Amino acid sequence: MPDVSITIGGREFQVACQDGEEHFLRSAAQMLDNEATTLVSQIGRMPEARMLLMAGLMLADKAAGLEDQVRAAEERALVAERVATDARTKPQRVEVAVIPEAVTETFAEIAARAEALADRIEERKAG
């Protein structure tokens, strides 16, 4: 079990970890150190236990915020998935109005009369 030297808030600690976990320990220690350094710069020197407690609470607050964001993103993903599934399984229905044959015939008759009138007007212009 390797011992890893980490620095948090300007103080050095020796911490044991499992083989192969050194990188994760250093990464976690760096996150804690960032919070502790912020505290020390704002408040000044404080007892080690208080510094670690406050830095841990600040990290926990950030983690809780991220968990809320992940939960909200998962909910949006589920809704989008349901919408996509519904779109695939329930095709959108499009209704087209049926025009009665009598109306179609009437329009054809009106169009024929209009064309006949247009022809007569053209003949008078030419003549």
C-alpha atoms as a PDB file:
ATOM      1  CA  MET A   1       0.000   0.000   0.000  1.00  0.00           C
ATOM      2  CA  PRO A   2       1.761   3.154  -1.187  1.00  0.00           C
ATOM      3  CA  ASP A   3       1.981   6.331   0.888  1.00  0.00           C
ATOM      4  CA  VAL A   4       1.275   9.488  -1.063  1.00  0.00           C
ATOM      5  CA  SER A   5       2.328  12.948   0.032  1.00  0.00           C
ATOM      6  CA  ILE A   6      -0.376  15.546  -0.590  1.00  0.00           C
ATOM      7  CA  THR A   7      -0.605  19.239   0.229  1.00  0.00           C
ATOM      8  CA  ILE A   8      -3.871  20.835   1.286  1.00  0.00           C
ATOM      9  CA  GLY A   9      -4.088  24.460   2.279  1.00  0.00           C
ATOM     10  CA  GLY A  10      -0.336  24.751   2.552  1.00  0.00           C
ATOM     11  CA  ARG A  11      -0.078  21.764   4.913  1.00  0.00           C
ATOM     12  CA  GLU A  12       1.455  18.447   3.946  1.00  0.00           C
ATOM     13  CA  PHE A  13      -0.143  15.086   4.705  1.00  0.00           C
ATOM     14  CA  GLN A  14       0.925  11.463   4.170  1.00  0.00           C
ATOM     15  CA  VAL A  15      -1.974   9.312   3.004  1.00  0.00           C
ATOM     16  CA  ALA A  16      -2.026   5.591   2.225  1.00  0.00           C
ATOM     17  CA  CYS A  17      -3.994   4.278  -0.730  1.00  0.00           C
ATOM     18  CA  GLN A  18      -4.443   1.104  -2.776  1.00  0.00           C
ATOM     19  CA  ASP A  19      -1.994   0.289  -5.570  1.00  0.00           C
ATOM     20  CA  GLY A  20      -3.037   2.063  -8.748  1.00  0.00           C
ATOM     21  CA  GLU A  21      -5.234   4.575  -6.889  1.00  0.00           C
ATOM     22  CA  GLU A  22      -2.497   7.209  -6.483  1.00  0.00           C
ATOM     23  CA  HIS A  23      -3.729   9.296  -9.416  1.00  0.00           C
ATOM     24  CA  PHE A  24      -7.275   9.437  -8.019  1.00  0.00           C
ATOM     25  CA  LEU A  25      -5.999  10.377  -4.562  1.00  0.00           C
ATOM     26  CA  ARG A  26      -3.848  13.185  -5.989  1.00  0.00           C
ATOM     27  CA  SER A  27      -6.775  14.431  -8.077  1.00  0.00           C
ATOM     28  CA  ALA A  28      -9.116  14.460  -5.072  1.00  0.00           C
ATOM     29  CA  ALA A  29      -6.448  16.121  -2.936  1.00  0.00           C
ATOM     30  CA  GLN A  30      -5.991  18.821  -5.600  1.00  0.00           C
ATOM     31  CA  MET A  31      -9.726  19.565  -5.539  1.00  0.00           C
ATOM     32  CA  LEU A  32      -9.671  19.801  -1.732  1.00  0.00           C
ATOM     33  CA  ASP A  33      -6.529  21.953  -1.864  1.00  0.00           C
ATOM     34  CA  ASN A  34      -8.194  24.380  -4.284  1.00  0.00           C
ATOM     35  CA  GLU A  35     -11.053  24.906  -1.827  1.00  0.00           C
ATOM     36  CA  ALA A  36      -8.712  25.122   1.174  1.00  0.00           C
ATOM     37  CA  THR A  37      -6.490  27.650  -0.610  1.00  0.00           C
ATOM     38  CA  THR A  38      -9.544  29.800  -1.331  1.00  0.00           C
ATOM     39  CA  LEU A  39     -10.525  29.645   2.345  1.00  0.00           C
ATOM     40  CA  VAL A  40      -7.039  30.480   3.582  1.00  0.00           C
ATOM     41  CA  SER A  41      -6.804  33.441   1.201  1.00  0.00           C
ATOM     42  CA  GLN A  42     -10.200  34.787   2.371  1.00  0.00           C
ATOM     43  CA  ILE A  43     -10.089  34.022   6.093  1.00  0.00           C
ATOM     44  CA  GLY A  44      -6.407  33.572   6.847  1.00  0.00           C
ATOM     45  CA  ARG A  45      -4.769  30.873   8.878  1.00  0.00           C
ATOM     46  CA  MET A  46      -7.162  28.567  10.745  1.00  0.00           C
ATOM     47  CA  PRO A  47      -6.944  25.278  12.612  1.00  0.00           C
ATOM     48  CA  GLU A  48      -6.297  22.285  10.372  1.00  0.00           C
ATOM     49  CA  ALA A  49      -9.525  20.489  11.280  1.00  0.00           C
ATOM     50  CA  ARG A  50     -11.647  23.584  10.574  1.00  0.00           C
ATOM     51  CA  MET A  51      -9.899  24.211   7.242  1.00  0.00           C
ATOM     52  CA  LEU A  52     -10.459  20.613   6.128  1.00  0.00           C
ATOM     53  CA  LEU A  53     -14.084  20.667   7.321  1.00  0.00           C
ATOM     54  CA  MET A  54     -14.884  23.905   5.512  1.00  0.00           C
ATOM     55  CA  ALA A  55     -13.089  22.822   2.314  1.00  0.00           C
ATOM     56  CA  GLY A  56     -14.925  19.486   2.410  1.00  0.00           C
ATOM     57  CA  LEU A  57     -18.267  21.247   2.866  1.00  0.00           C
ATOM     58  CA  MET A  58     -17.538  23.543  -0.076  1.00  0.00           C
ATOM     59  CA  LEU A  59     -16.744  20.519  -2.260  1.00  0.00           C
ATOM     60  CA  ALA A  60     -19.872  18.730  -1.047  1.00  0.00           C
ATOM     61  CA  ASP A  61     -21.950  21.797  -1.968  1.00  0.00           C
ATOM     62  CA  LYS A  62     -20.479  21.780  -5.483  1.00  0.00           C
ATOM     63  CA  ALA A  63     -21.080  18.036  -5.785  1.00  0.00           C
ATOM     64  CA  ALA A  64     -24.724  18.447  -4.675  1.00  0.00           C
ATOM     65  CA  GLY A  65     -25.220  21.152  -7.307  1.00  0.00           C
ATOM     66  CA  LEU A  66     -23.745  18.908  -9.979  1.00  0.00           C
ATOM     67  CA  GLU A  67     -25.968  16.023  -8.876  1.00  0.00           C
ATOM     68  CA  ASP A  68     -29.016  18.278  -9.261  1.00  0.00           C
ATOM     69  CA  GLN A  69     -27.871  19.247 -12.759  1.00  0.00           C
ATOM     70  CA  VAL A  70     -27.294  15.598 -13.698  1.00  0.00           C
ATOM     71  CA  ARG A  71     -30.742  14.644 -12.367  1.00  0.00           C
ATOM     72  CA  ALA A  72     -32.385  17.443 -14.379  1.00  0.00           C
ATOM     73  CA  ALA A  73     -30.454  16.440 -17.514  1.00  0.00           C
ATOM     74  CA  GLU A  74     -31.498  12.808 -17.051  1.00  0.00           C
ATOM     75  CA  GLU A  75     -35.147  13.864 -16.737  1.00  0.00           C
ATOM     76  CA  ARG A  76     -34.894  15.956 -19.930  1.00  0.00           C
ATOM     77  CA  ALA A  77     -33.272  12.991 -21.693  1.00  0.00           C
ATOM     78  CA  LEU A  78     -36.117  10.686 -20.602  1.00  0.00           C
ATOM     79  CA  VAL A  79     -38.723  13.139 -21.881  1.00  0.00           C
ATOM     80  CA  ALA A  80     -36.877  13.486 -25.205  1.00  0.00           C
ATOM     81  CA  GLU A  81     -36.638   9.694 -25.447  1.00  0.00           C
ATOM     82  CA  ARG A  82     -40.392   9.339 -24.843  1.00  0.00           C
ATOM     83  CA  VAL A  83     -41.164  11.971 -27.465  1.00  0.00           C
ATOM     84  CA  ALA A  84     -38.890  10.251 -29.989  1.00  0.00           C
ATOM     85  CA  THR A  85     -40.452   6.858 -29.239  1.00  0.00           C
ATOM     86  CA  ASP A  86     -43.958   8.289 -29.606  1.00  0.00           C
ATOM     87  CA  ALA A  87     -42.994   9.888 -32.916  1.00  0.00           C
ATOM     88  CA  ARG A  88     -41.767   6.524 -34.213  1.00  0.00           C
ATOM     89  CA  THR A  89     -44.687   4.447 -32.951  1.00  0.00           C
ATOM     90  CA  LYS A  90     -47.515   6.927 -33.514  1.00  0.00           C
ATOM     91  CA  PRO A  91     -47.108   8.570 -36.905  1.00  0.00           C
ATOM     92  CA  GLN A  92     -48.673  11.987 -37.169  1.00  0.00           C
ATOM     93  CA  ARG A  93     -52.080  11.893 -38.787  1.00  0.00           C
ATOM     94  CA  VAL A  94     -52.649  14.376 -41.587  1.00  0.00           C
ATOM     95  CA  GLU A  95     -56.197  14.947 -42.749  1.00  0.00           C
ATOM     96  CA  VAL A  96     -56.915  16.191 -46.244  1.00  0.00           C
ATOM     97  CA  ALA A  97     -60.309  17.668 -46.959  1.00  0.00           C
ATOM     98  CA  VAL A  98     -62.295  15.900 -49.676  1.00  0.00           C
ATOM     99  CA  ILE A  99     -63.811  18.359 -52.140  1.00  0.00           C
ATOM    100  CA  PRO A 100     -67.247  17.222 -53.338  1.00  0.00           C
ATOM    101  CA  GLU A 101     -67.421  16.383 -57.028  1.00  0.00           C
ATOM    102  CA  ALA A 102     -70.127  19.022 -57.610  1.00  0.00           C
ATOM    103  CA  VAL A 103     -67.784  21.754 -56.387  1.00  0.00           C
ATOM    104  CA  THR A 104     -64.975  20.483 -58.603  1.00  0.00           C
ATOM    105  CA  GLU A 105     -67.303  20.452 -61.616  1.00  0.00           C
ATOM    106  CA  THR A 106     -68.531  23.975 -60.826  1.00  0.00           C
ATOM    107  CA  PHE A 107     -64.972  25.294 -60.645  1.00  0.00           C
ATOM    108  CA  ALA A 108     -64.175  23.597 -63.980  1.00  0.00           C
ATOM    109  CA  GLU A 109     -67.226  25.228 -65.548  1.00  0.00           C
ATOM    110  CA  ILE A 110     -66.283  28.682 -64.173  1.00  0.00           C
ATOM    111  CA  ALA A 111     -62.734  28.228 -65.487  1.00  0.00           C
ATOM    112  CA  ALA A 112     -64.058  27.305 -68.948  1.00  0.00           C
ATOM    113  CA  ARG A 113     -66.297  30.392 -69.037  1.00  0.00           C
ATOM    114  CA  ALA A 114     -63.409  32.619 -67.926  1.00  0.00           C
ATOM    115  CA  GLU A 115     -61.228  31.214 -70.695  1.00  0.00           C
ATOM    116  CA  ALA A 116     -64.004  31.789 -73.252  1.00  0.00           C
ATOM    117  CA  LEU A 117     -64.361  35.408 -72.088  1.00  0.00           C
ATOM    118  CA  ALA A 118     -60.609  35.885 -72.293  1.00  0.00           C
ATOM    119  CA  ASP A 119     -60.645  34.511 -75.854  1.00  0.00           C
ATOM    120  CA  ARG A 120     -63.422  36.939 -76.888  1.00  0.00           C
ATOM    121  CA  ILE A 121     -61.531  39.892 -75.415  1.00  0.00           C
ATOM    122  CA  GLU A 122     -58.398  38.868 -77.284  1.00  0.00           C
ATOM    123  CA  GLU A 123     -60.394  38.609 -80.555  1.00  0.00           C
ATOM    124  CA  ARG A 124     -61.841  42.111 -80.108  1.00  0.00           C
ATOM    125  CA  LYS A 125     -58.385  43.558 -79.428  1.00  0.00           C
ATOM    126  CA  ALA A 126     -57.008  41.897 -82.535  1.00  0.00           C
ATOM    127  CA  GLY A 127     -59.914  42.850 -84.785  1.00  0.00           C
END
